[in-house]
Amino acid sequence: MFPDPDRLLESNPADVLDAAARGHLGLDHRFLHAIVDRPAESLPAVVAFGERNRDKDAVDLAPELIAVIRFWKAPEGIPFLIRYLREDPEAVPDEVTEALVEIGRPALEPLLALYEDLDESEGGEVAFILASLPIRDERILKLLLDRLEYDLSDAVLLLSIYGDPAAIESVERSAADLNDSDAELKSEIAEALQSLKGKAPELVQPATEEGFDIWALYPERADLPVDMLDEDERTQLLEHPVPSVRAAAANSFFNRPLTAEQRAKLLHLARTDATEAVRARAWEALLDSTENAEVVEAMLTALRKPDLSTIERGGLLVALSAEADRNEVRTAIVDLYRSPEGRPKALEAMWRSIHPSFRDYFGKHLDDPDVEVRRGAVWGVGYYALRSELDRIRKLFDDDDLRSDAIFAYALALPGEVSRGRVKGLLARIEKDAHGLSEMEEDLVKAALDERLMLAGKEPLFQQQED
């Protein structure tokens, strides 16, 4: 079931949460209003949802549960937060800490009980939360003082946050044992002592801060997370009444093998849908189906329409990129390239085609003000192995928008022998030039190097190792 996101208040909160966890709803203001606007109904549903086994959920709603509990400052949500802490007590998101601190005193006993259950090495984050609570309690002070022997620097910081002058004597005693090699730690302790000596014996409640803005965390409207749905659900969405959902569903089949049924549905959508963006995404999803005579004939028929919009033409030409040996396809790609609005898709069609006539189009756009044009140019440099542009590609390693694209292109174009025995050396070289690779980036480079092997008519290496 895919509920109408504009009518969620007609559904009970438990069903709204379940739909979001299945990936049947986008996480946006409409979803939030369906939960937070009726706390009497929603709070029990949130508590029950937090207690259930969520391992098989398509979408992990833990961040949303944390945000809602914090928004309400709901003590009923403390058991969920404590279970969340227990799962990984050494990596606690700031949002959990803030939620518990803002709930305040009702969180004290559960946090103390959790700390007692943890090893001292695991308890640092929980100790931090306890120190941050706007509460004076002898048990908090004692556990913080006990941590002076385990990690003096961290414990002093926590005591400074806690702000109880009763800790001064113990901190001074610990500092007396330090020698000249501990100058930095001595300085930290001196600052903490100065802070503690300026604190009142009784806790002074801080001024009330502006309330937690849950709305700033989410867009007003969000698309369905269609990539998280299974194939049957995504196929079902091709007939959804909302055009943006149909377009997203069609796009989810891009670069994926299609069954005969899926191909037929996408072709019908591309031919008949009333919305140009939906038709464009449906054509693109048929990228790998041009060996089918019906599909390629439908594409060429659409391409010849004089009133074809730039949006639909872009998706259609990306889908026809494998047919760039046809004069009319190449001419249409160049015509689309001449339009600033159509240039990103034209460059994508060019690099996907790997047709030699397009080789000189990419270098001139590596500094284009349009990030999508630059992205197409980067991929073109990679697939056409334009080694004269590698210095400019390396500079894009520092561009947050294009780093992953640049790393992939660099892996495709970097000079080196293309053999299964040598690609590991190329991987090491790329990692060095990129000043290290994240796990995702390393997978990207391996995919690019396997692509090089396959383009050279050889078996991929890294994919076989994973298999």
Foldseek 3Di string as FASTA:
>chain_A
DQDDLQPLLVPFQLVLVLCVQQLSFDPAPSSVCSAQVCPVRRVVSLLVVLPDDSPPGLDDCVVVSLLSCQQVLDLSCLVSLLVVCLVQVQDHDPSSLNSLQSVADSNVVSLLVSLVVDDPVSCLNSLLSLLQRLDDDVSNVVVLLVCCVVPVQSSLVSCLSSQALVCLVSLVVSLVPDDPVCVVSNVSSVVSNVSSVPGDNHRDDDDDDDRDDSNVVRHNGDARPLLSHDPVVLLVQCPPPDLVSVLVSLLSLAPHDDDPVSLVSLLCQLQDPPDLSNVLSSLRSCLVVCVPPVNVVSLVVQCPDPPRDLSNLLSSLLSCLCVCVDPVSVVSLVVLCVDPVSNLSSLNSCLVNLDVVCLPPQPVCCPPPDVSNNLSSLSSCQSVLVVVCLVSLLVCLPPPVCNLSSLLSCLRNPDDDLDLVCSVVVLVVSCVSSVHDDPVSSVSSLVSSQVNQVVVVHHRDPVVVVD
